[in-house]
């Protein structure tokens, strides 16, 4: 129950922050997030399998096998969102 309230509070804070920047900026960010999510889901399984195959058996690299499925989704999402935001910010400049 606490985690649900925390998730709603974070979502509300992010929505307020983007809404304060303006509707068009919020729309562009929403489009970038949806596209980054599509890219992440397309690359999720191959990325996770690659991380699992390259994980070591001992030491810090053995942790990679444990977090591979989460990291396999988070890494392509973060990279995709970063590239899409950089592209949209470069194409549509503030005046």
N, C-alpha and C. Protein backbone atom coordinates (compact mmCIF):
# COMPACT_ATOMS: atom_id res chain seq x y z
N UNK A 1 0.83 -1.19 0.00
CA UNK A 1 0.00 0.00 0.00
C UNK A 1 0.87 1.26 0.00
N UNK A 2 1.94 1.24 0.79
CA UNK A 2 2.84 2.39 0.87
C UNK A 2 3.53 2.60 -0.49
N UNK A 3 3.93 1.49 -1.12
CA UNK A 3 4.61 1.60 -2.41
C UNK A 3 3.67 2.17 -3.48
N UNK A 4 2.39 1.83 -3.42
CA UNK A 4 1.42 2.38 -4.38
C UNK A 4 1.29 3.88 -4.20
N UNK A 5 1.21 4.32 -2.95
CA UNK A 5 1.10 5.75 -2.68
C UNK A 5 2.37 6.47 -3.12
N UNK A 6 3.53 5.85 -2.87
CA UNK A 6 4.80 6.44 -3.30
C UNK A 6 4.87 6.54 -4.83
N UNK A 7 4.44 5.49 -5.52
CA UNK A 7 4.46 5.51 -6.99
C UNK A 7 3.54 6.59 -7.54
N UNK A 8 2.36 6.75 -6.94
CA UNK A 8 1.42 7.78 -7.37
C UNK A 8 1.99 9.17 -7.10
N UNK A 9 2.66 9.33 -5.97
CA UNK A 9 3.26 10.63 -5.64
C UNK A 9 4.39 10.97 -6.61
N UNK A 10 5.22 10.00 -6.94
CA UNK A 10 6.30 10.25 -7.91
C UNK A 10 5.73 10.58 -9.27
N UNK A 11 4.73 9.83 -9.71
CA UNK A 11 4.09 10.10 -11.00
C UNK A 11 3.46 11.49 -11.02
N UNK A 12 2.80 11.86 -9.93
CA UNK A 12 2.21 13.20 -9.85
C UNK A 12 3.26 14.29 -9.88
N UNK A 13 4.38 14.08 -9.19
CA UNK A 13 5.47 15.06 -9.20
C UNK A 13 6.08 15.23 -10.58
N UNK A 14 6.28 14.12 -11.29
CA UNK A 14 6.84 14.20 -12.64
C UNK A 14 5.85 14.88 -13.58
N UNK A 15 4.58 14.54 -13.46
CA UNK A 15 3.57 15.16 -14.31
C UNK A 15 3.50 16.67 -14.06
N UNK A 16 3.58 17.07 -12.80
CA UNK A 16 3.56 18.50 -12.48
C UNK A 16 4.79 19.20 -13.04
N UNK A 17 5.95 18.58 -12.89
CA UNK A 17 7.20 19.19 -13.37
C UNK A 17 7.15 19.40 -14.88
N UNK A 18 6.69 18.38 -15.62
CA UNK A 18 6.61 18.53 -17.08
C UNK A 18 5.48 19.48 -17.48
N UNK A 19 4.38 19.46 -16.74
CA UNK A 19 3.28 20.37 -17.04
C UNK A 19 3.66 21.81 -16.83
N UNK A 20 4.54 22.07 -15.86
CA UNK A 20 5.00 23.44 -15.60
C UNK A 20 5.88 23.96 -16.73
N UNK A 21 6.51 23.05 -17.47
CA UNK A 21 7.36 23.46 -18.59
C UNK A 21 6.56 23.78 -19.84
N UNK A 22 5.31 23.37 -19.87
CA UNK A 22 4.47 23.66 -21.03
C UNK A 22 3.92 22.39 -21.65
N UNK A 23 2.81 22.54 -22.33
CA UNK A 23 2.13 21.39 -22.93
C UNK A 23 2.90 20.74 -24.06
N UNK A 24 3.54 21.55 -24.91
CA UNK A 24 4.26 21.00 -26.05
C UNK A 24 5.49 20.20 -25.59
N UNK A 25 6.21 20.71 -24.59
CA UNK A 25 7.35 19.98 -24.05
C UNK A 25 6.90 18.66 -23.41
N UNK A 26 5.77 18.71 -22.74
CA UNK A 26 5.24 17.50 -22.12
C UNK A 26 4.85 16.47 -23.18
N UNK A 27 4.25 16.93 -24.25
CA UNK A 27 3.86 16.04 -25.34
C UNK A 27 5.08 15.41 -25.99
N UNK A 28 6.11 16.21 -26.25
CA UNK A 28 7.33 15.67 -26.84
C UNK A 28 7.98 14.64 -25.92
N UNK A 29 8.03 14.92 -24.63
CA UNK A 29 8.61 13.97 -23.69
C UNK A 29 7.78 12.69 -23.64
N UNK A 30 6.48 12.79 -23.67
CA UNK A 30 5.61 11.61 -23.64
C UNK A 30 5.86 10.74 -24.88
N UNK A 31 5.97 11.36 -26.03
CA UNK A 31 6.23 10.62 -27.27
C UNK A 31 7.59 9.93 -27.19
N UNK A 32 8.61 10.64 -26.68
CA UNK A 32 9.94 10.05 -26.54
C UNK A 32 9.93 8.87 -25.58
N UNK A 33 9.20 8.97 -24.48
CA UNK A 33 9.14 7.88 -23.50
C UNK A 33 8.44 6.66 -24.09
N UNK A 34 7.36 6.87 -24.83
CA UNK A 34 6.65 5.74 -25.44
C UNK A 34 7.54 5.06 -26.48
N UNK A 35 8.23 5.84 -27.30
CA UNK A 35 9.13 5.26 -28.30
C UNK A 35 10.31 4.54 -27.64
N UNK A 36 10.86 5.12 -26.58
CA UNK A 36 11.95 4.47 -25.86
C UNK A 36 11.48 3.16 -25.23
N UNK A 37 10.25 3.15 -24.75
CA UNK A 37 9.69 1.91 -24.20
C UNK A 37 9.54 0.83 -25.26
N UNK A 38 9.13 1.23 -26.47
CA UNK A 38 9.02 0.27 -27.56
C UNK A 38 10.39 -0.28 -27.94
N UNK A 39 11.38 0.59 -27.98
CA UNK A 39 12.75 0.15 -28.29
C UNK A 39 13.24 -0.81 -27.20
N UNK A 40 12.98 -0.46 -25.94
CA UNK A 40 13.44 -1.29 -24.83
C UNK A 40 12.80 -2.67 -24.86
N UNK A 41 11.50 -2.74 -25.12
CA UNK A 41 10.84 -4.05 -25.19
C UNK A 41 11.32 -4.87 -26.38
N UNK A 42 11.68 -4.21 -27.47
CA UNK A 42 12.20 -4.93 -28.63
C UNK A 42 13.58 -5.53 -28.35
N UNK A 43 14.38 -4.83 -27.54
CA UNK A 43 15.75 -5.28 -27.27
C UNK A 43 15.91 -5.98 -25.93
N UNK A 44 14.83 -6.13 -25.18
CA UNK A 44 14.90 -6.64 -23.82
C UNK A 44 15.51 -8.04 -23.74
N UNK A 45 14.93 -8.99 -24.45
CA UNK A 45 15.40 -10.37 -24.35
C UNK A 45 16.81 -10.56 -24.89
N UNK A 46 17.13 -10.03 -26.08
CA UNK A 46 18.52 -10.20 -26.54
C UNK A 46 19.54 -9.54 -25.61
N UNK A 47 19.21 -8.39 -25.06
CA UNK A 47 20.13 -7.72 -24.14
C UNK A 47 20.31 -8.52 -22.86
N UNK A 48 19.22 -9.02 -22.30
CA UNK A 48 19.30 -9.82 -21.08
C UNK A 48 20.10 -11.10 -21.32
N UNK A 49 19.86 -11.76 -22.43
CA UNK A 49 20.61 -12.99 -22.73
C UNK A 49 22.09 -12.69 -22.92
N UNK A 50 22.42 -11.57 -23.54
CA UNK A 50 23.81 -11.17 -23.72
C UNK A 50 24.48 -10.92 -22.36
N UNK A 51 23.76 -10.25 -21.46
CA UNK A 51 24.30 -10.00 -20.13
C UNK A 51 24.50 -11.29 -19.34
N UNK A 52 23.56 -12.23 -19.47
CA UNK A 52 23.68 -13.50 -18.76
C UNK A 52 24.87 -14.30 -19.30
N UNK A 53 25.04 -14.31 -20.62
CA UNK A 53 26.15 -15.06 -21.22
C UNK A 53 27.51 -14.49 -20.82
N UNK A 54 27.58 -13.17 -20.64
CA UNK A 54 28.85 -12.53 -20.32
C UNK A 54 29.10 -12.37 -18.82
N UNK A 55 28.18 -12.85 -18.00
CA UNK A 55 28.36 -12.75 -16.55
C UNK A 55 29.41 -13.75 -16.08
N UNK A 56 30.20 -13.33 -15.13
CA UNK A 56 31.22 -14.22 -14.57
C UNK A 56 30.62 -15.16 -13.54
N UNK A 57 31.44 -16.07 -13.08
CA UNK A 57 30.98 -17.05 -12.09
C UNK A 57 31.23 -16.59 -10.66
N UNK A 58 32.22 -15.74 -10.46
CA UNK A 58 32.53 -15.28 -9.11
C UNK A 58 32.76 -13.78 -9.12
N UNK A 59 32.73 -13.20 -7.94
CA UNK A 59 33.02 -11.78 -7.80
C UNK A 59 31.86 -10.90 -8.21
N UNK A 60 32.22 -9.65 -8.50
CA UNK A 60 31.20 -8.65 -8.83
C UNK A 60 30.46 -8.97 -10.12
N UNK A 61 31.15 -9.57 -11.07
CA UNK A 61 30.50 -9.85 -12.36
C UNK A 61 29.45 -10.95 -12.24
N UNK A 62 29.45 -11.73 -11.17
CA UNK A 62 28.41 -12.73 -10.99
C UNK A 62 27.07 -12.08 -10.65
N UNK A 63 27.12 -10.86 -10.14
CA UNK A 63 25.89 -10.11 -9.87
C UNK A 63 25.15 -9.79 -11.15
N UNK A 64 25.87 -9.69 -12.24
CA UNK A 64 25.28 -9.35 -13.54
C UNK A 64 24.22 -10.36 -13.95
N UNK A 65 24.43 -11.62 -13.67
CA UNK A 65 23.45 -12.65 -14.02
C UNK A 65 22.16 -12.48 -13.22
N UNK A 66 22.28 -11.98 -11.99
CA UNK A 66 21.10 -11.80 -11.15
C UNK A 66 20.25 -10.61 -11.57
N UNK A 67 20.88 -9.58 -12.10
CA UNK A 67 20.15 -8.37 -12.46
C UNK A 67 19.96 -8.24 -13.98
N UNK A 68 20.28 -9.29 -14.72
CA UNK A 68 20.28 -9.22 -16.18
C UNK A 68 18.91 -8.87 -16.76
N UNK A 69 17.85 -9.43 -16.23
CA UNK A 69 16.52 -9.18 -16.82
C UNK A 69 16.07 -7.75 -16.57
N UNK A 70 16.36 -7.22 -15.39
CA UNK A 70 16.02 -5.82 -15.11
C UNK A 70 16.90 -4.86 -15.88
N UNK A 71 18.21 -5.15 -15.89
CA UNK A 71 19.15 -4.28 -16.62
C UNK A 71 18.93 -4.39 -18.12
N UNK A 72 18.51 -5.57 -18.59
CA UNK A 72 18.23 -5.76 -20.01
C UNK A 72 17.08 -4.90 -20.50
N UNK A 73 16.21 -4.50 -19.61
CA UNK A 73 15.12 -3.60 -19.97
C UNK A 73 15.49 -2.14 -19.70
N UNK A 74 16.18 -1.89 -18.59
CA UNK A 74 16.51 -0.52 -18.21
C UNK A 74 17.56 0.12 -19.10
N UNK A 75 18.57 -0.64 -19.50
CA UNK A 75 19.65 -0.06 -20.32
C UNK A 75 19.18 0.40 -21.69
N UNK A 76 18.47 -0.43 -22.46
CA UNK A 76 17.98 0.07 -23.76
C UNK A 76 16.99 1.23 -23.61
N UNK A 77 16.18 1.20 -22.53
CA UNK A 77 15.25 2.30 -22.31
C UNK A 77 15.99 3.61 -22.05
N UNK A 78 16.97 3.56 -21.16
CA UNK A 78 17.72 4.77 -20.83
C UNK A 78 18.50 5.29 -22.04
N UNK A 79 19.14 4.40 -22.77
CA UNK A 79 19.89 4.83 -23.96
C UNK A 79 18.96 5.37 -25.04
N UNK A 80 17.84 4.68 -25.26
CA UNK A 80 16.88 5.13 -26.27
C UNK A 80 16.27 6.47 -25.90
N UNK A 81 15.90 6.64 -24.64
CA UNK A 81 15.31 7.90 -24.20
C UNK A 81 16.33 9.03 -24.31
N UNK A 82 17.56 8.76 -23.92
CA UNK A 82 18.60 9.79 -24.03
C UNK A 82 18.82 10.23 -25.47
N UNK A 83 18.88 9.27 -26.38
CA UNK A 83 19.10 9.63 -27.79
C UNK A 83 17.89 10.35 -28.39
N UNK A 84 16.69 9.90 -28.04
CA UNK A 84 15.49 10.56 -28.57
C UNK A 84 15.34 11.98 -28.02
N UNK A 85 15.62 12.16 -26.73
CA UNK A 85 15.53 13.50 -26.15
C UNK A 85 16.59 14.42 -26.74
N UNK A 86 17.79 13.91 -26.96
CA UNK A 86 18.84 14.73 -27.58
C UNK A 86 18.45 15.12 -29.00
N UNK A 87 17.85 14.18 -29.72
CA UNK A 87 17.43 14.47 -31.10
C UNK A 87 16.30 15.50 -31.12
N UNK A 88 15.29 15.34 -30.27
CA UNK A 88 14.18 16.30 -30.27
C UNK A 88 14.62 17.66 -29.75
N UNK A 89 15.49 17.68 -28.75
CA UNK A 89 15.99 18.96 -28.25
C UNK A 89 16.85 19.66 -29.29
N UNK A 90 17.57 18.88 -30.10
CA UNK A 90 18.38 19.47 -31.15
C UNK A 90 17.55 20.00 -32.31
N UNK A 91 16.47 19.30 -32.61
CA UNK A 91 15.61 19.72 -33.73
C UNK A 91 14.69 20.88 -33.37
N UNK A 92 14.21 20.87 -32.15
CA UNK A 92 13.27 21.91 -31.72
C UNK A 92 13.93 22.70 -30.60
N UNK A 93 14.47 23.81 -30.95
CA UNK A 93 15.20 24.64 -29.97
C UNK A 93 14.25 25.64 -29.30
N UNK A 94 14.62 26.03 -28.09
CA UNK A 94 13.87 27.08 -27.40
C UNK A 94 14.19 28.41 -28.06
N UNK A 95 13.18 29.26 -28.11
CA UNK A 95 13.40 30.59 -28.69
C UNK A 95 13.25 31.63 -27.63
